[in-house]
Amino acid sequence: MMRLVVALLVLALGVLVVVSMEAPEWILAAAGSDWFPAELGLGAERVDGLFDHTNLFAAGLLGLTFVGLAWAVWRGAGRRAGEGSERSGSRRLEVLWTVVPAGIVVHLTLAQIQARDAIAADARGGEGAGAPLAIEVEGVQFDWRFTYAGADGAFGTLDDVTSVVDMPVPVGRPVELRMRSVDVIHSFFVPELRMKRDVVPGTVTPLAFTIDAQDHAAAGSPETLELRCAELCGWGHYAMVGRLLPMEQHAFDDWQARAGAAGFEAEAMADDVEDEG
């Protein structure tokens, strides 16, 4: 009787743990809330689907582990004291628990490669999305700096627009980031886009995304998305937070024009001060 109780307790614990891996998503979905932050980037749903797919395998394997543990408790408790098994091993079991996990790993690897390629294609926005907006991103302890090309479309010229902390982007238009770090490794992460990319000193790291107009509207058209550094980069890592500002194309054009004009005025004032000196 006791071994039955213990085996049932092990099974009950297994059920509780496995359900806890999936239940939060079901409960929040039923309540009209999201398990993750709202998906705003094209291809973001593929990341969530891949997470659920991987989590399903993990929950299944964990459930089988608890079943095996309960069976071992039931079987072992039924033996007389001091009695052991005459088996020294099982080739079939060894092959099984080698081949099956290896197959699962291969399957998940292929699924991730397919998702990565599909997300990269989605991030370009498809036909009719317009010309990509190129932005140079600089990570430095402990700020994000963003540079936009001016009317000439070239970086490193007088009409460049530079913004610190805030990164305005047009909704529905592909954005291509060229990211650099001037000191240590940083990591560009916007949860709503489901994208995170390390920014490594000495190299240019590309990242492309498009904010989906329909998803943005469905989420209540948030005006600000938090941009975090997801790599411990020093004592001020906690403060390295930027803001991604989704806006309509016309609003973005107005912002860029105002920022460019302000930059020219500031440069002219600096030149006047230098001449007076």
C-alpha atoms as a PDB file:
ATOM      1  CA  MET A   1       0.000   0.000   0.000  1.00  0.00           C
ATOM      2  CA  MET A   2       2.791   2.388   0.914  1.00  0.00           C
ATOM      3  CA  ARG A   3       4.607   1.896  -2.389  1.00  0.00           C
ATOM      4  CA  LEU A   4       1.378   2.688  -4.259  1.00  0.00           C
ATOM      5  CA  VAL A   5       0.968   5.902  -2.294  1.00  0.00           C
ATOM      6  CA  VAL A   6       4.561   6.950  -2.952  1.00  0.00           C
ATOM      7  CA  ALA A   7       4.313   6.113  -6.667  1.00  0.00           C
ATOM      8  CA  LEU A   8       1.067   8.110  -6.961  1.00  0.00           C
ATOM      9  CA  LEU A   9       2.671  11.050  -5.155  1.00  0.00           C
ATOM     10  CA  VAL A  10       5.559  11.009  -7.632  1.00  0.00           C
ATOM     11  CA  LEU A  11       3.103  10.943 -10.543  1.00  0.00           C
ATOM     12  CA  ALA A  12       1.067  13.766  -9.003  1.00  0.00           C
ATOM     13  CA  LEU A  13       4.227  15.849  -8.602  1.00  0.00           C
ATOM     14  CA  GLY A  14       5.132  15.135 -12.215  1.00  0.00           C
ATOM     15  CA  VAL A  15       1.705  16.219 -13.440  1.00  0.00           C
ATOM     16  CA  LEU A  16       1.929  19.409 -11.368  1.00  0.00           C
ATOM     17  CA  VAL A  17       5.359  20.304 -12.748  1.00  0.00           C
ATOM     18  CA  VAL A  18       4.471  19.519 -16.370  1.00  0.00           C
ATOM     19  CA  VAL A  19       1.183  21.439 -16.230  1.00  0.00           C
ATOM     20  CA  SER A  20       2.938  24.409 -14.633  1.00  0.00           C
ATOM     21  CA  MET A  21       5.107  24.657 -17.750  1.00  0.00           C
ATOM     22  CA  GLU A  22       2.069  25.213 -19.974  1.00  0.00           C
ATOM     23  CA  ALA A  23      -0.736  26.422 -17.699  1.00  0.00           C
ATOM     24  CA  PRO A  24       0.349  30.097 -17.380  1.00  0.00           C
ATOM     25  CA  GLU A  25      -0.032  30.616 -21.114  1.00  0.00           C
ATOM     26  CA  TRP A  26      -3.486  28.982 -21.157  1.00  0.00           C
ATOM     27  CA  ILE A  27      -4.696  30.917 -18.109  1.00  0.00           C
ATOM     28  CA  LEU A  28      -3.453  34.290 -19.363  1.00  0.00           C
ATOM     29  CA  ALA A  29      -4.843  33.671 -22.856  1.00  0.00           C
ATOM     30  CA  ALA A  30      -8.254  32.867 -21.354  1.00  0.00           C
ATOM     31  CA  ALA A  31      -8.067  36.109 -19.375  1.00  0.00           C
ATOM     32  CA  GLY A  32      -7.231  38.097 -22.499  1.00  0.00           C
ATOM     33  CA  SER A  33      -3.605  38.731 -21.558  1.00  0.00           C
ATOM     34  CA  ASP A  34      -0.332  37.804 -23.215  1.00  0.00           C
ATOM     35  CA  TRP A  35       2.172  35.276 -21.900  1.00  0.00           C
ATOM     36  CA  PHE A  36       4.900  37.365 -23.559  1.00  0.00           C
ATOM     37  CA  PRO A  37       4.903  41.065 -24.479  1.00  0.00           C
ATOM     38  CA  ALA A  38       2.788  41.840 -27.528  1.00  0.00           C
ATOM     39  CA  GLU A  39       4.290  40.747 -30.868  1.00  0.00           C
ATOM     40  CA  LEU A  40       5.030  43.860 -32.919  1.00  0.00           C
ATOM     41  CA  GLY A  41       7.742  42.760 -35.328  1.00  0.00           C
ATOM     42  CA  LEU A  42       7.183  40.853 -38.546  1.00  0.00           C
ATOM     43  CA  GLY A  43       8.197  37.258 -37.820  1.00  0.00           C
ATOM     44  CA  ALA A  44       7.845  37.625 -34.042  1.00  0.00           C
ATOM     45  CA  GLU A  45       5.092  34.998 -33.961  1.00  0.00           C
ATOM     46  CA  ARG A  46       7.590  32.482 -35.336  1.00  0.00           C
ATOM     47  CA  VAL A  47       9.775  32.995 -32.260  1.00  0.00           C
ATOM     48  CA  ASP A  48       6.811  32.375 -29.953  1.00  0.00           C
ATOM     49  CA  GLY A  49       5.836  29.299 -31.963  1.00  0.00           C
ATOM     50  CA  LEU A  50       9.377  27.946 -31.711  1.00  0.00           C
ATOM     51  CA  PHE A  51       9.342  28.548 -27.948  1.00  0.00           C
ATOM     52  CA  ASP A  52       6.060  26.643 -27.573  1.00  0.00           C
ATOM     53  CA  HIS A  53       7.363  23.842 -29.807  1.00  0.00           C
ATOM     54  CA  THR A  54      10.527  23.441 -27.719  1.00  0.00           C
ATOM     55  CA  ASN A  55       8.601  23.721 -24.463  1.00  0.00           C
ATOM     56  CA  LEU A  56       6.268  20.928 -25.588  1.00  0.00           C
ATOM     57  CA  PHE A  57       9.188  18.546 -26.064  1.00  0.00           C
ATOM     58  CA  ALA A  58      10.675  19.553 -22.714  1.00  0.00           C
ATOM     59  CA  ALA A  59       7.351  18.976 -20.933  1.00  0.00           C
ATOM     60  CA  GLY A  60       6.912  15.593 -22.637  1.00  0.00           C
ATOM     61  CA  LEU A  61      10.388  14.377 -21.692  1.00  0.00           C
ATOM     62  CA  LEU A  62       9.934  15.594 -18.139  1.00  0.00           C
ATOM     63  CA  GLY A  63       6.606  13.756 -17.942  1.00  0.00           C
ATOM     64  CA  LEU A  64       8.236  10.530 -19.137  1.00  0.00           C
ATOM     65  CA  THR A  65      10.959  10.995 -16.534  1.00  0.00           C
ATOM     66  CA  PHE A  66       8.400  11.193 -13.739  1.00  0.00           C
ATOM     67  CA  VAL A  67       6.572   8.142 -15.099  1.00  0.00           C
ATOM     68  CA  GLY A  68       9.833   6.197 -15.072  1.00  0.00           C
ATOM     69  CA  LEU A  69      10.584   7.415 -11.548  1.00  0.00           C
ATOM     70  CA  ALA A  70       7.140   6.343 -10.318  1.00  0.00           C
ATOM     71  CA  TRP A  71       7.578   2.928 -11.950  1.00  0.00           C
ATOM     72  CA  ALA A  72      11.005   2.532 -10.294  1.00  0.00           C
ATOM     73  CA  VAL A  73       9.497   3.396  -6.901  1.00  0.00           C
ATOM     74  CA  TRP A  74       6.652   0.905  -7.420  1.00  0.00           C
ATOM     75  CA  ARG A  75       8.902  -1.850  -8.709  1.00  0.00           C
ATOM     76  CA  GLY A  76      11.726  -1.314  -6.225  1.00  0.00           C
ATOM     77  CA  ALA A  77       9.507  -1.053  -3.150  1.00  0.00           C
ATOM     78  CA  GLY A  78       7.958  -4.441  -3.983  1.00  0.00           C
ATOM     79  CA  ARG A  79      11.221  -6.324  -3.600  1.00  0.00           C
ATOM     80  CA  ARG A  80      12.311  -7.948  -0.397  1.00  0.00           C
ATOM     81  CA  ALA A  81      15.029  -6.261   1.652  1.00  0.00           C
ATOM     82  CA  GLY A  82      18.455  -6.895   0.141  1.00  0.00           C
ATOM     83  CA  GLU A  83      17.063  -8.216  -3.137  1.00  0.00           C
ATOM     84  CA  GLY A  84      18.498  -6.623  -6.267  1.00  0.00           C
ATOM     85  CA  SER A  85      18.066  -6.941 -10.008  1.00  0.00           C
ATOM     86  CA  GLU A  86      20.000  -9.574 -11.928  1.00  0.00           C
ATOM     87  CA  ARG A  87      20.272  -7.293 -14.971  1.00  0.00           C
ATOM     88  CA  SER A  88      23.499  -5.403 -15.509  1.00  0.00           C
ATOM     89  CA  GLY A  89      22.227  -3.296 -18.407  1.00  0.00           C
ATOM     90  CA  SER A  90      20.024  -3.149 -21.493  1.00  0.00           C
ATOM     91  CA  ARG A  91      21.439  -2.453 -24.919  1.00  0.00           C
ATOM     92  CA  ARG A  92      17.987  -1.610 -26.276  1.00  0.00           C
ATOM     93  CA  LEU A  93      17.394   1.000 -23.582  1.00  0.00           C
ATOM     94  CA  GLU A  94      20.845   2.485 -24.095  1.00  0.00           C
ATOM     95  CA  VAL A  95      20.239   2.800 -27.829  1.00  0.00           C
ATOM     96  CA  LEU A  96      16.760   4.216 -27.192  1.00  0.00           C
ATOM     97  CA  TRP A  97      17.826   6.946 -24.779  1.00  0.00           C
ATOM     98  CA  THR A  98      20.678   7.896 -27.122  1.00  0.00           C
ATOM     99  CA  VAL A  99      18.835   7.906 -30.447  1.00  0.00           C
ATOM    100  CA  VAL A 100      15.621   9.585 -29.271  1.00  0.00           C
ATOM    101  CA  PRO A 101      17.272  12.642 -27.621  1.00  0.00           C
ATOM    102  CA  ALA A 102      19.634  12.968 -30.580  1.00  0.00           C
ATOM    103  CA  GLY A 103      16.657  12.924 -32.942  1.00  0.00           C
ATOM    104  CA  ILE A 104      14.893  15.582 -30.890  1.00  0.00           C
ATOM    105  CA  VAL A 105      17.990  17.798 -30.898  1.00  0.00           C
ATOM    106  CA  VAL A 106      18.335  17.461 -34.686  1.00  0.00           C
ATOM    107  CA  HIS A 107      14.636  18.226 -35.149  1.00  0.00           C
ATOM    108  CA  LEU A 108      14.783  21.347 -32.966  1.00  0.00           C
ATOM    109  CA  THR A 109      17.982  22.495 -34.687  1.00  0.00           C
ATOM    110  CA  LEU A 110      16.375  22.245 -38.129  1.00  0.00           C
ATOM    111  CA  ALA A 111      13.257  23.998 -36.822  1.00  0.00           C
ATOM    112  CA  GLN A 112      15.410  26.865 -35.494  1.00  0.00           C
ATOM    113  CA  ILE A 113      17.273  27.196 -38.800  1.00  0.00           C
ATOM    114  CA  GLN A 114      14.005  27.313 -40.734  1.00  0.00           C
ATOM    115  CA  ALA A 115      12.551  29.859 -38.285  1.00  0.00           C
ATOM    116  CA  ARG A 116      15.695  32.001 -38.517  1.00  0.00           C
ATOM    117  CA  ASP A 117      15.537  32.119 -42.315  1.00  0.00           C
ATOM    118  CA  ALA A 118      11.799  32.854 -42.285  1.00  0.00           C
ATOM    119  CA  ILE A 119      12.236  35.623 -39.703  1.00  0.00           C
ATOM    120  CA  ALA A 120      15.023  37.187 -41.780  1.00  0.00           C
ATOM    121  CA  ALA A 121      12.720  37.161 -44.832  1.00  0.00           C
ATOM    122  CA  ASP A 122       9.815  38.595 -42.805  1.00  0.00           C
ATOM    123  CA  ALA A 123      12.041  41.339 -41.363  1.00  0.00           C
ATOM    124  CA  ARG A 124      12.672  42.693 -44.853  1.00  0.00           C
ATOM    125  CA  GLY A 125       8.970  43.461 -45.041  1.00  0.00           C
ATOM    126  CA  GLY A 126       8.198  41.826 -48.379  1.00  0.00           C
ATOM    127  CA  GLU A 127       7.223  43.550 -51.619  1.00  0.00           C
ATOM    128  CA  GLY A 128       5.844  47.073 -51.382  1.00  0.00           C
ATOM    129  CA  ALA A 129       7.414  47.723 -47.977  1.00  0.00           C
ATOM    130  CA  GLY A 130       9.532  50.589 -49.295  1.00  0.00           C
ATOM    131  CA  ALA A 131      13.263  51.187 -49.191  1.00  0.00           C
ATOM    132  CA  PRO A 132      14.914  50.057 -45.945  1.00  0.00           C
ATOM    133  CA  LEU A 133      15.848  52.706 -43.400  1.00  0.00           C
ATOM    134  CA  ALA A 134      19.511  52.367 -42.446  1.00  0.00           C
ATOM    135  CA  ILE A 135      20.533  53.386 -38.919  1.00  0.00           C
ATOM    136  CA  GLU A 136      23.999  53.265 -37.423  1.00  0.00           C
ATOM    137  CA  VAL A 137      23.845  52.173 -33.771  1.00  0.00           C
ATOM    138  CA  GLU A 138      26.658  52.740 -31.301  1.00  0.00           C
ATOM    139  CA  GLY A 139      26.724  51.036 -27.918  1.00  0.00           C
ATOM    140  CA  VAL A 140      28.881  52.738 -25.318  1.00  0.00           C
ATOM    141  CA  GLN A 141      28.960  52.467 -21.539  1.00  0.00           C
ATOM    142  CA  PHE A 142      26.164  53.189 -20.780  1.00  0.00           C
ATOM    143  CA  ASP A 143      24.148  54.696 -23.641  1.00  0.00           C
ATOM    144  CA  TRP A 144      22.730  53.891 -27.052  1.00  0.00           C
ATOM    145  CA  ARG A 145      23.474  56.374 -29.844  1.00  0.00           C
ATOM    146  CA  PHE A 146      21.697  56.361 -33.210  1.00  0.00           C
ATOM    147  CA  THR A 147      22.744  58.052 -36.450  1.00  0.00           C
ATOM    148  CA  TYR A 148      20.471  58.582 -39.461  1.00  0.00           C
ATOM    149  CA  ALA A 149      21.660  59.593 -42.907  1.00  0.00           C
ATOM    150  CA  GLY A 150      20.349  62.949 -44.110  1.00  0.00           C
ATOM    151  CA  ALA A 151      18.859  63.907 -47.456  1.00  0.00           C
ATOM    152  CA  ASP A 152      22.002  62.827 -49.293  1.00  0.00           C
ATOM    153  CA  GLY A 153      21.494  59.257 -48.075  1.00  0.00           C
ATOM    154  CA  ALA A 154      25.138  58.966 -46.966  1.00  0.00           C
ATOM    155  CA  PHE A 155      26.594  58.607 -43.491  1.00  0.00           C
ATOM    156  CA  GLY A 156      29.431  60.773 -42.245  1.00  0.00           C
ATOM    157  CA  THR A 157      28.177  63.975 -43.875  1.00  0.00           C
ATOM    158  CA  LEU A 158      26.959  67.269 -42.404  1.00  0.00           C
ATOM    159  CA  ASP A 159      23.260  66.442 -42.667  1.00  0.00           C
ATOM    160  CA  ASP A 160      23.449  63.309 -40.506  1.00  0.00           C
ATOM    161  CA  VAL A 161      20.998  63.213 -37.597  1.00  0.00           C
ATOM    162  CA  THR A 162      22.190  61.802 -34.279  1.00  0.00           C
ATOM    163  CA  SER A 163      19.924  60.809 -31.401  1.00  0.00           C
ATOM    164  CA  VAL A 164      20.888  59.562 -27.950  1.00  0.00           C
ATOM    165  CA  VAL A 165      18.604  57.086 -26.116  1.00  0.00           C
ATOM    166  CA  ASP A 166      15.636  57.579 -28.494  1.00  0.00           C
ATOM    167  CA  MET A 167      15.424  55.650 -31.785  1.00  0.00           C
ATOM    168  CA  PRO A 168      12.400  56.731 -33.863  1.00  0.00           C
ATOM    169  CA  VAL A 169      11.442  54.312 -36.657  1.00  0.00           C
ATOM    170  CA  PRO A 170       8.559  54.301 -39.145  1.00  0.00           C
ATOM    171  CA  VAL A 171       5.906  51.616 -38.759  1.00  0.00           C
ATOM    172  CA  GLY A 172       5.649  49.178 -41.662  1.00  0.00           C
ATOM    173  CA  ARG A 173       9.020  50.101 -43.176  1.00  0.00           C
ATOM    174  CA  PRO A 174      12.027  47.754 -43.028  1.00  0.00           C
ATOM    175  CA  VAL A 175      14.801  48.975 -40.745  1.00  0.00           C
ATOM    176  CA  GLU A 176      18.412  47.855 -41.108  1.00  0.00           C
ATOM    177  CA  LEU A 177      20.714  48.467 -38.151  1.00  0.00           C
ATOM    178  CA  ARG A 178      24.505  48.578 -38.371  1.00  0.00           C
ATOM    179  CA  MET A 179      25.640  48.190 -34.791  1.00  0.00           C
ATOM    180  CA  ARG A 180      29.059  48.833 -33.245  1.00  0.00           C
ATOM    181  CA  SER A 181      30.461  48.890 -29.727  1.00  0.00           C
ATOM    182  CA  VAL A 182      33.243  51.258 -28.729  1.00  0.00           C
ATOM    183  CA  ASP A 183      34.186  49.538 -25.481  1.00  0.00           C
ATOM    184  CA  VAL A 184      32.758  46.178 -24.309  1.00  0.00           C
ATOM    185  CA  ILE A 185      30.163  43.675 -25.505  1.00  0.00           C
ATOM    186  CA  HIS A 186      26.608  45.023 -25.386  1.00  0.00           C
ATOM    187  CA  SER A 187      23.393  43.358 -26.547  1.00  0.00           C
ATOM    188  CA  PHE A 188      20.542  45.046 -28.420  1.00  0.00           C
ATOM    189  CA  PHE A 189      17.210  43.661 -27.190  1.00  0.00           C
ATOM    190  CA  VAL A 190      13.610  44.780 -27.787  1.00  0.00           C
ATOM    191  CA  PRO A 191      11.221  42.179 -26.269  1.00  0.00           C
ATOM    192  CA  GLU A 192       8.278  43.126 -28.511  1.00  0.00           C
ATOM    193  CA  LEU A 193      10.350  42.469 -31.628  1.00  0.00           C
ATOM    194  CA  ARG A 194      11.584  39.112 -30.278  1.00  0.00           C
ATOM    195  CA  MET A 195      15.065  40.094 -31.424  1.00  0.00           C
ATOM    196  CA  LYS A 196      18.307  40.192 -29.477  1.00  0.00           C
ATOM    197  CA  ARG A 197      21.756  40.607 -31.005  1.00  0.00           C
ATOM    198  CA  ASP A 198      25.162  40.997 -29.371  1.00  0.00           C
ATOM    199  CA  VAL A 199      27.159  44.095 -30.315  1.00  0.00           C
ATOM    200  CA  VAL A 200      30.840  43.197 -30.268  1.00  0.00           C
ATOM    201  CA  PRO A 201      33.808  45.613 -30.353  1.00  0.00           C
ATOM    202  CA  GLY A 202      35.778  45.579 -33.586  1.00  0.00           C
ATOM    203  CA  THR A 203      32.974  44.408 -35.848  1.00  0.00           C
ATOM    204  CA  VAL A 204      29.730  45.659 -37.402  1.00  0.00           C
ATOM    205  CA  THR A 205      26.688  43.640 -36.372  1.00  0.00           C
ATOM    206  CA  PRO A 206      23.664  43.814 -38.727  1.00  0.00           C
ATOM    207  CA  LEU A 207      20.069  43.475 -37.567  1.00  0.00           C
ATOM    208  CA  ALA A 208      16.927  43.930 -39.668  1.00  0.00           C
ATOM    209  CA  PHE A 209      13.334  44.262 -38.485  1.00  0.00           C
ATOM    210  CA  THR A 210       9.971  45.688 -39.494  1.00  0.00           C
ATOM    211  CA  ILE A 211       7.267  46.795 -37.078  1.00  0.00           C
ATOM    212  CA  ASP A 212       4.035  45.278 -38.333  1.00  0.00           C
ATOM    213  CA  ALA A 213       1.398  47.988 -38.764  1.00  0.00           C
ATOM    214  CA  GLN A 214      -1.534  45.688 -37.948  1.00  0.00           C
ATOM    215  CA  ASP A 215       0.092  44.265 -34.822  1.00  0.00           C
ATOM    216  CA  HIS A 216       1.069  47.767 -33.722  1.00  0.00           C
ATOM    217  CA  ALA A 217      -2.521  48.971 -34.077  1.00  0.00           C
ATOM    218  CA  ALA A 218      -3.914  45.844 -32.357  1.00  0.00           C
ATOM    219  CA  ALA A 219      -1.601  46.446 -29.382  1.00  0.00           C
ATOM    220  CA  GLY A 220      -2.994  49.949 -28.907  1.00  0.00           C
ATOM    221  CA  SER A 221      -0.323  51.718 -30.985  1.00  0.00           C
ATOM    222  CA  PRO A 222       2.264  52.009 -28.181  1.00  0.00           C
ATOM    223  CA  GLU A 223       4.420  55.096 -28.614  1.00  0.00           C
ATOM    224  CA  THR A 224       7.429  53.694 -26.768  1.00  0.00           C
ATOM    225  CA  LEU A 225       9.140  50.305 -26.689  1.00  0.00           C
ATOM    226  CA  GLU A 226      11.935  49.680 -24.211  1.00  0.00           C
ATOM    227  CA  LEU A 227      15.336  48.938 -25.704  1.00  0.00           C
ATOM    228  CA  ARG A 228      17.535  47.077 -23.261  1.00  0.00           C
ATOM    229  CA  CYS A 229      21.147  46.010 -23.098  1.00  0.00           C
ATOM    230  CA  ALA A 230      20.916  42.271 -22.422  1.00  0.00           C
ATOM    231  CA  GLU A 231      24.632  41.739 -21.744  1.00  0.00           C
ATOM    232  CA  LEU A 232      26.267  42.658 -18.433  1.00  0.00           C
ATOM    233  CA  CYS A 233      28.536  45.503 -19.547  1.00  0.00           C
ATOM    234  CA  GLY A 234      29.725  47.148 -16.340  1.00  0.00           C
ATOM    235  CA  TRP A 235      28.548  48.908 -13.215  1.00  0.00           C
ATOM    236  CA  GLY A 236      26.015  51.047 -15.141  1.00  0.00           C
ATOM    237  CA  HIS A 237      24.503  48.162 -17.102  1.00  0.00           C
ATOM    238  CA  TYR A 238      21.162  48.619 -15.328  1.00  0.00           C
ATOM    239  CA  ALA A 239      20.883  52.151 -16.720  1.00  0.00           C
ATOM    240  CA  MET A 240      21.653  51.297 -20.346  1.00  0.00           C
ATOM    241  CA  VAL A 241      18.064  51.556 -21.500  1.00  0.00           C
ATOM    242  CA  GLY A 242      16.930  53.230 -24.689  1.00  0.00           C
ATOM    243  CA  ARG A 243      13.571  53.874 -26.297  1.00  0.00           C
ATOM    244  CA  LEU A 244      12.371  52.650 -29.676  1.00  0.00           C
ATOM    245  CA  LEU A 245       9.675  55.049 -30.907  1.00  0.00           C
ATOM    246  CA  PRO A 246       7.335  53.628 -33.580  1.00  0.00           C
ATOM    247  CA  MET A 247       5.637  56.329 -35.646  1.00  0.00           C
ATOM    248  CA  GLU A 248       3.927  56.813 -38.970  1.00  0.00           C
ATOM    249  CA  GLN A 249       6.163  57.595 -41.939  1.00  0.00           C
ATOM    250  CA  HIS A 250       5.029  61.229 -42.165  1.00  0.00           C
ATOM    251  CA  ALA A 251       5.647  61.731 -38.443  1.00  0.00           C
ATOM    252  CA  PHE A 252       9.093  60.182 -38.805  1.00  0.00           C
ATOM    253  CA  ASP A 253       9.893  62.489 -41.741  1.00  0.00           C
ATOM    254  CA  ASP A 254       8.826  65.507 -39.661  1.00  0.00           C
ATOM    255  CA  TRP A 255      10.990  64.371 -36.737  1.00  0.00           C
ATOM    256  CA  GLN A 256      14.018  63.848 -38.978  1.00  0.00           C
ATOM    257  CA  ALA A 257      13.564  67.279 -40.575  1.00  0.00           C
ATOM    258  CA  ARG A 258      13.277  68.996 -37.170  1.00  0.00           C
ATOM    259  CA  ALA A 259      16.243  67.082 -35.760  1.00  0.00           C
ATOM    260  CA  GLY A 260      18.331  67.933 -38.821  1.00  0.00           C
ATOM    261  CA  ALA A 261      17.474  71.626 -38.576  1.00  0.00           C
ATOM    262  CA  ALA A 262      18.290  71.660 -34.861  1.00  0.00           C
ATOM    263  CA  GLY A 263      21.621  70.001 -35.607  1.00  0.00           C
ATOM    264  CA  PHE A 264      22.517  72.666 -38.189  1.00  0.00           C
ATOM    265  CA  GLU A 265      21.609  75.442 -35.748  1.00  0.00           C
ATOM    266  CA  ALA A 266      23.729  73.907 -32.996  1.00  0.00           C
ATOM    267  CA  GLU A 267      26.666  73.509 -35.389  1.00  0.00           C
ATOM    268  CA  ALA A 268      26.325  77.109 -36.601  1.00  0.00           C
ATOM    269  CA  MET A 269      26.307  78.392 -33.019  1.00  0.00           C
ATOM    270  CA  ALA A 270      29.401  76.342 -32.234  1.00  0.00           C
ATOM    271  CA  ASP A 271      31.170  77.780 -35.286  1.00  0.00           C
ATOM    272  CA  ASP A 272      30.232  81.343 -34.222  1.00  0.00           C
ATOM    273  CA  VAL A 273      31.597  80.771 -30.742  1.00  0.00           C
ATOM    274  CA  GLU A 274      34.807  79.361 -32.197  1.00  0.00           C
ATOM    275  CA  ASP A 275      35.189  82.339 -34.554  1.00  0.00           C
ATOM    276  CA  GLU A 276      34.663  84.805 -31.709  1.00  0.00           C
ATOM    277  CA  GLY A 277      37.291  83.007 -29.672  1.00  0.00           C
END
